Amino acid sequence: MKRRPTKIIFFDGDGTLWYPRTTKRTQKPHWIYHDSKIKGYKSLLILTPGVARTLRALRKRGVMTVVVSTHPHGAKEADAIIKEKVRYFGLDTLFDEVHAARGVPTGKGAVIERVLKRLGLPKSSALMVGDSYIWDYIAAKNVGVDGILMDAVYLNAAAGRVKRKIKNLEGVLRFID
């Protein structure tokens, strides 16, 4: 079966590009932000294996890459926090854009639609990669964009119906012409 070409890929941050060093994909990654004993959480996060290598391979193929990560703060502060995480991990040169989405399940879909409209790209040229069935996969599907799920222990039962899952980020390359 021939896959259609993908021109832009949206990546979730927590659980997809980076995750807590101690729990990786065994627990939902946002626990690290809610633990009142943790100060300076960035040092407790690590990149998921193969992130930089995968992003460089996508760049070579001419694929636009965008971070879209949910964050509960106001829009400007949330954008600044997400951009700081991308810089912290040295990924700022590997992404074309970085956006924070509102803290609602439809937040990422709204960002995806806004970016595609601004760039004049059809939804058929986009792909969303994330670790949450509702916040990433369904958010993209609800606005007409294909999705891929990172396989994680914490995925809910409904995610079992998803055929496009990857064990590691490099798996994205299988879906790009």
C-alpha atoms as a PDB file:
ATOM      1  CA  MET A   1       0.000   0.000   0.000  1.00  0.00           C
ATOM      2  CA  LYS A   2       1.485   3.353  -1.043  1.00  0.00           C
ATOM      3  CA  ARG A   3       1.540   6.018   1.666  1.00  0.00           C
ATOM      4  CA  ARG A   4       0.744   9.561   0.690  1.00  0.00           C
ATOM      5  CA  PRO A   5       3.599  12.036   1.063  1.00  0.00           C
ATOM      6  CA  THR A   6       3.729  13.968   4.335  1.00  0.00           C
ATOM      7  CA  LYS A   7       4.977  17.526   4.238  1.00  0.00           C
ATOM      8  CA  ILE A   8       4.518  18.593   7.867  1.00  0.00           C
ATOM      9  CA  ILE A   9       4.688  16.631  11.088  1.00  0.00           C
ATOM     10  CA  PHE A  10       3.395  17.897  14.415  1.00  0.00           C
ATOM     11  CA  PHE A  11       5.081  16.393  17.480  1.00  0.00           C
ATOM     12  CA  ASP A  12       3.818  16.326  21.039  1.00  0.00           C
ATOM     13  CA  GLY A  13       6.436  17.227  23.657  1.00  0.00           C
ATOM     14  CA  ASP A  14       5.956  15.341  26.939  1.00  0.00           C
ATOM     15  CA  GLY A  15       5.988  11.578  26.435  1.00  0.00           C
ATOM     16  CA  THR A  16       6.897  11.857  22.767  1.00  0.00           C
ATOM     17  CA  LEU A  17      10.035  14.005  22.415  1.00  0.00           C
ATOM     18  CA  TRP A  18      11.076  13.873  26.075  1.00  0.00           C
ATOM     19  CA  TYR A  19       9.942  12.089  29.207  1.00  0.00           C
ATOM     20  CA  PRO A  20      10.864  11.710  32.904  1.00  0.00           C
ATOM     21  CA  ARG A  21      14.108   9.763  33.234  1.00  0.00           C
ATOM     22  CA  THR A  22      12.731   7.509  35.972  1.00  0.00           C
ATOM     23  CA  THR A  23       9.400   6.496  34.462  1.00  0.00           C
ATOM     24  CA  LYS A  24       9.889   6.913  30.698  1.00  0.00           C
ATOM     25  CA  ARG A  25       6.657   5.601  29.110  1.00  0.00           C
ATOM     26  CA  THR A  26       5.454   3.591  32.092  1.00  0.00           C
ATOM     27  CA  GLN A  27       3.464   6.533  33.541  1.00  0.00           C
ATOM     28  CA  LYS A  28       1.838   9.574  31.989  1.00  0.00           C
ATOM     29  CA  PRO A  29       4.706  12.074  31.830  1.00  0.00           C
ATOM     30  CA  HIS A  30       2.937  15.097  33.255  1.00  0.00           C
ATOM     31  CA  TRP A  31       3.183  13.668  36.793  1.00  0.00           C
ATOM     32  CA  ILE A  32       6.537  15.419  37.038  1.00  0.00           C
ATOM     33  CA  TYR A  33       4.888  18.863  36.933  1.00  0.00           C
ATOM     34  CA  HIS A  34       2.359  18.041  39.671  1.00  0.00           C
ATOM     35  CA  ASP A  35       4.782  16.692  42.269  1.00  0.00           C
ATOM     36  CA  SER A  36       5.221  19.595  44.710  1.00  0.00           C
ATOM     37  CA  LYS A  37       8.582  18.175  45.894  1.00  0.00           C
ATOM     38  CA  ILE A  38      10.120  18.632  42.442  1.00  0.00           C
ATOM     39  CA  LYS A  39      11.855  21.901  41.681  1.00  0.00           C
ATOM     40  CA  GLY A  40      13.694  22.377  38.391  1.00  0.00           C
ATOM     41  CA  TYR A  41      11.962  19.520  36.562  1.00  0.00           C
ATOM     42  CA  LYS A  42      13.974  19.962  33.332  1.00  0.00           C
ATOM     43  CA  SER A  43      16.971  18.164  34.791  1.00  0.00           C
ATOM     44  CA  LEU A  44      14.716  15.146  35.453  1.00  0.00           C
ATOM     45  CA  LEU A  45      13.623  14.933  31.805  1.00  0.00           C
ATOM     46  CA  ILE A  46      15.519  13.142  29.046  1.00  0.00           C
ATOM     47  CA  LEU A  47      15.070  12.983  25.297  1.00  0.00           C
ATOM     48  CA  THR A  48      13.385   9.880  24.002  1.00  0.00           C
ATOM     49  CA  PRO A  49      15.839   7.701  22.057  1.00  0.00           C
ATOM     50  CA  GLY A  50      16.446   8.699  18.438  1.00  0.00           C
ATOM     51  CA  VAL A  51      14.811  12.148  18.571  1.00  0.00           C
ATOM     52  CA  ALA A  52      17.645  14.185  17.036  1.00  0.00           C
ATOM     53  CA  ARG A  53      18.485  11.481  14.484  1.00  0.00           C
ATOM     54  CA  THR A  54      14.840  11.248  13.380  1.00  0.00           C
ATOM     55  CA  LEU A  55      14.414  15.014  13.140  1.00  0.00           C
ATOM     56  CA  ARG A  56      17.597  15.346  11.054  1.00  0.00           C
ATOM     57  CA  ALA A  57      16.358  12.588   8.709  1.00  0.00           C
ATOM     58  CA  LEU A  58      13.037  14.408   8.295  1.00  0.00           C
ATOM     59  CA  ARG A  59      14.865  17.666   7.567  1.00  0.00           C
ATOM     60  CA  LYS A  60      16.865  15.918   4.831  1.00  0.00           C
ATOM     61  CA  ARG A  61      13.585  14.769   3.306  1.00  0.00           C
ATOM     62  CA  GLY A  62      12.232  18.313   3.341  1.00  0.00           C
ATOM     63  CA  VAL A  63       9.561  17.644   5.954  1.00  0.00           C
ATOM     64  CA  MET A  64       8.528  20.594   8.094  1.00  0.00           C
ATOM     65  CA  THR A  65       8.561  19.796  11.826  1.00  0.00           C
ATOM     66  CA  VAL A  66       6.458  21.507  14.492  1.00  0.00           C
ATOM     67  CA  VAL A  67       6.175  20.989  18.250  1.00  0.00           C
ATOM     68  CA  VAL A  68       2.652  21.340  19.630  1.00  0.00           C
ATOM     69  CA  SER A  69       2.508  20.578  23.342  1.00  0.00           C
ATOM     70  CA  THR A  70      -0.336  21.152  25.782  1.00  0.00           C
ATOM     71  CA  HIS A  71       0.341  23.581  28.589  1.00  0.00           C
ATOM     72  CA  PRO A  72      -1.982  25.050  31.239  1.00  0.00           C
ATOM     73  CA  HIS A  73      -0.508  28.572  31.472  1.00  0.00           C
ATOM     74  CA  GLY A  74      -1.675  31.564  29.445  1.00  0.00           C
ATOM     75  CA  ALA A  75      -0.762  31.569  25.753  1.00  0.00           C
ATOM     76  CA  LYS A  76       2.394  33.735  25.871  1.00  0.00           C
ATOM     77  CA  GLU A  77       3.823  32.120  28.998  1.00  0.00           C
ATOM     78  CA  ALA A  78       2.984  28.613  27.736  1.00  0.00           C
ATOM     79  CA  ASP A  79       4.686  29.275  24.387  1.00  0.00           C
ATOM     80  CA  ALA A  80       7.786  30.568  26.207  1.00  0.00           C
ATOM     81  CA  ILE A  81       7.920  27.493  28.476  1.00  0.00           C
ATOM     82  CA  ILE A  82       7.592  25.035  25.574  1.00  0.00           C
ATOM     83  CA  LYS A  83      10.210  26.920  23.534  1.00  0.00           C
ATOM     84  CA  GLU A  84      12.563  26.861  26.540  1.00  0.00           C
ATOM     85  CA  LYS A  85      12.218  23.051  26.781  1.00  0.00           C
ATOM     86  CA  VAL A  86      13.031  22.711  23.079  1.00  0.00           C
ATOM     87  CA  ARG A  87      16.126  24.919  23.543  1.00  0.00           C
ATOM     88  CA  TYR A  88      17.124  23.049  26.716  1.00  0.00           C
ATOM     89  CA  PHE A  89      17.306  19.816  24.718  1.00  0.00           C
ATOM     90  CA  GLY A  90      19.159  21.479  21.819  1.00  0.00           C
ATOM     91  CA  LEU A  91      16.311  20.820  19.388  1.00  0.00           C
ATOM     92  CA  ASP A  92      15.607  24.431  18.418  1.00  0.00           C
ATOM     93  CA  THR A  93      17.412  24.135  15.071  1.00  0.00           C
ATOM     94  CA  LEU A  94      15.492  20.961  14.216  1.00  0.00           C
ATOM     95  CA  PHE A  95      11.998  22.454  14.497  1.00  0.00           C
ATOM     96  CA  ASP A  96      10.448  25.005  12.200  1.00  0.00           C
ATOM     97  CA  GLU A  97       7.879  26.104  14.774  1.00  0.00           C
ATOM     98  CA  VAL A  98       7.040  25.535  18.436  1.00  0.00           C
ATOM     99  CA  HIS A  99       3.546  26.082  19.875  1.00  0.00           C
ATOM    100  CA  ALA A 100       1.776  25.532  23.157  1.00  0.00           C
ATOM    101  CA  ALA A 101      -1.802  24.259  22.948  1.00  0.00           C
ATOM    102  CA  ARG A 102      -4.548  25.116  25.399  1.00  0.00           C
ATOM    103  CA  GLY A 103      -5.155  22.592  28.178  1.00  0.00           C
ATOM    104  CA  VAL A 104      -8.240  21.036  26.609  1.00  0.00           C
ATOM    105  CA  PRO A 105      -8.490  17.928  24.403  1.00  0.00           C
ATOM    106  CA  THR A 106      -9.259  20.068  21.330  1.00  0.00           C
ATOM    107  CA  GLY A 107      -6.287  22.399  21.913  1.00  0.00           C
ATOM    108  CA  LYS A 108      -3.794  20.648  19.654  1.00  0.00           C
ATOM    109  CA  GLY A 109      -6.329  20.298  16.861  1.00  0.00           C
ATOM    110  CA  ALA A 110      -6.915  24.053  16.931  1.00  0.00           C
ATOM    111  CA  VAL A 111      -3.164  24.751  16.692  1.00  0.00           C
ATOM    112  CA  ILE A 112      -2.779  22.253  13.842  1.00  0.00           C
ATOM    113  CA  GLU A 113      -5.612  23.862  11.874  1.00  0.00           C
ATOM    114  CA  ARG A 114      -4.238  27.363  12.479  1.00  0.00           C
ATOM    115  CA  VAL A 115      -0.707  26.419  11.331  1.00  0.00           C
ATOM    116  CA  LEU A 116      -1.947  24.568   8.227  1.00  0.00           C
ATOM    117  CA  LYS A 117      -4.206  27.468   7.248  1.00  0.00           C
ATOM    118  CA  ARG A 118      -1.416  30.032   7.705  1.00  0.00           C
ATOM    119  CA  LEU A 119       0.980  27.928   5.620  1.00  0.00           C
ATOM    120  CA  GLY A 120      -1.624  27.087   2.982  1.00  0.00           C
ATOM    121  CA  LEU A 121      -1.070  23.352   3.462  1.00  0.00           C
ATOM    122  CA  PRO A 122      -3.847  20.781   3.088  1.00  0.00           C
ATOM    123  CA  LYS A 123      -4.675  18.532   6.026  1.00  0.00           C
ATOM    124  CA  SER A 124      -3.701  15.575   3.871  1.00  0.00           C
ATOM    125  CA  SER A 125      -0.073  16.748   4.014  1.00  0.00           C
ATOM    126  CA  ALA A 126       0.021  16.667   7.826  1.00  0.00           C
ATOM    127  CA  LEU A 127       0.680  14.066  10.480  1.00  0.00           C
ATOM    128  CA  MET A 128       0.478  14.261  14.300  1.00  0.00           C
ATOM    129  CA  VAL A 129       2.781  12.118  16.453  1.00  0.00           C
ATOM    130  CA  GLY A 130       2.010  11.792  20.147  1.00  0.00           C
ATOM    131  CA  ASP A 131       1.668   9.505  23.136  1.00  0.00           C
ATOM    132  CA  SER A 132      -1.917  10.311  24.166  1.00  0.00           C
ATOM    133  CA  TYR A 133      -4.907   8.781  22.437  1.00  0.00           C
ATOM    134  CA  ILE A 134      -7.270  11.648  23.298  1.00  0.00           C
ATOM    135  CA  TRP A 135      -4.940  14.665  23.510  1.00  0.00           C
ATOM    136  CA  ASP A 136      -2.832  13.815  20.426  1.00  0.00           C
ATOM    137  CA  TYR A 137      -4.352  11.143  18.194  1.00  0.00           C
ATOM    138  CA  ILE A 138      -8.050  12.027  18.520  1.00  0.00           C
ATOM    139  CA  ALA A 139      -7.298  15.771  18.581  1.00  0.00           C
ATOM    140  CA  ALA A 140      -5.666  15.398  15.157  1.00  0.00           C
ATOM    141  CA  LYS A 141      -8.289  13.001  13.773  1.00  0.00           C
ATOM    142  CA  ASN A 142     -11.106  15.367  14.805  1.00  0.00           C
ATOM    143  CA  VAL A 143      -9.666  18.076  12.557  1.00  0.00           C
ATOM    144  CA  GLY A 144      -8.993  15.692   9.653  1.00  0.00           C
ATOM    145  CA  VAL A 145      -5.279  15.025  10.206  1.00  0.00           C
ATOM    146  CA  ASP A 146      -3.717  11.551  10.413  1.00  0.00           C
ATOM    147  CA  GLY A 147      -2.070  10.479  13.646  1.00  0.00           C
ATOM    148  CA  ILE A 148       0.519   8.054  14.935  1.00  0.00           C
ATOM    149  CA  LEU A 149       0.690   6.931  18.555  1.00  0.00           C
ATOM    150  CA  MET A 150       3.856   6.240  20.503  1.00  0.00           C
ATOM    151  CA  ASP A 151       3.309   2.913  22.223  1.00  0.00           C
ATOM    152  CA  ALA A 152       3.141   3.495  25.973  1.00  0.00           C
ATOM    153  CA  VAL A 153       2.064   1.460  28.988  1.00  0.00           C
ATOM    154  CA  TYR A 154      -0.435   4.155  29.980  1.00  0.00           C
ATOM    155  CA  LEU A 155      -2.426   4.181  26.719  1.00  0.00           C
ATOM    156  CA  ASN A 156      -6.120   3.606  27.356  1.00  0.00           C
ATOM    157  CA  ALA A 157      -8.089   0.666  25.965  1.00  0.00           C
ATOM    158  CA  ALA A 158      -9.510   2.718  23.082  1.00  0.00           C
ATOM    159  CA  ALA A 159      -5.962   3.205  21.774  1.00  0.00           C
ATOM    160  CA  GLY A 160      -5.923  -0.511  21.016  1.00  0.00           C
ATOM    161  CA  ARG A 161      -7.944   0.244  17.884  1.00  0.00           C
ATOM    162  CA  VAL A 162      -5.154   2.455  16.516  1.00  0.00           C
ATOM    163  CA  LYS A 163      -3.240   0.664  13.789  1.00  0.00           C
ATOM    164  CA  ARG A 164      -0.503   3.275  13.407  1.00  0.00           C
ATOM    165  CA  LYS A 165       1.663   2.879  16.512  1.00  0.00           C
ATOM    166  CA  ILE A 166       5.408   3.139  16.845  1.00  0.00           C
ATOM    167  CA  LYS A 167       7.746   1.845  19.555  1.00  0.00           C
ATOM    168  CA  ASN A 168      10.282   4.639  19.070  1.00  0.00           C
ATOM    169  CA  LEU A 169      10.373   7.965  17.269  1.00  0.00           C
ATOM    170  CA  GLU A 170      12.411   6.601  14.363  1.00  0.00           C
ATOM    171  CA  GLY A 171       9.310   4.575  13.466  1.00  0.00           C
ATOM    172  CA  VAL A 172       7.853   7.794  12.022  1.00  0.00           C
ATOM    173  CA  LEU A 173      10.198   7.443   9.061  1.00  0.00           C
ATOM    174  CA  ARG A 174       8.210   4.401   7.858  1.00  0.00           C
ATOM    175  CA  PHE A 175       5.245   6.685   7.212  1.00  0.00           C
ATOM    176  CA  ILE A 176       7.120   9.231   5.101  1.00  0.00           C
ATOM    177  CA  ASP A 177       7.616   8.818   1.342  1.00  0.00           C
END
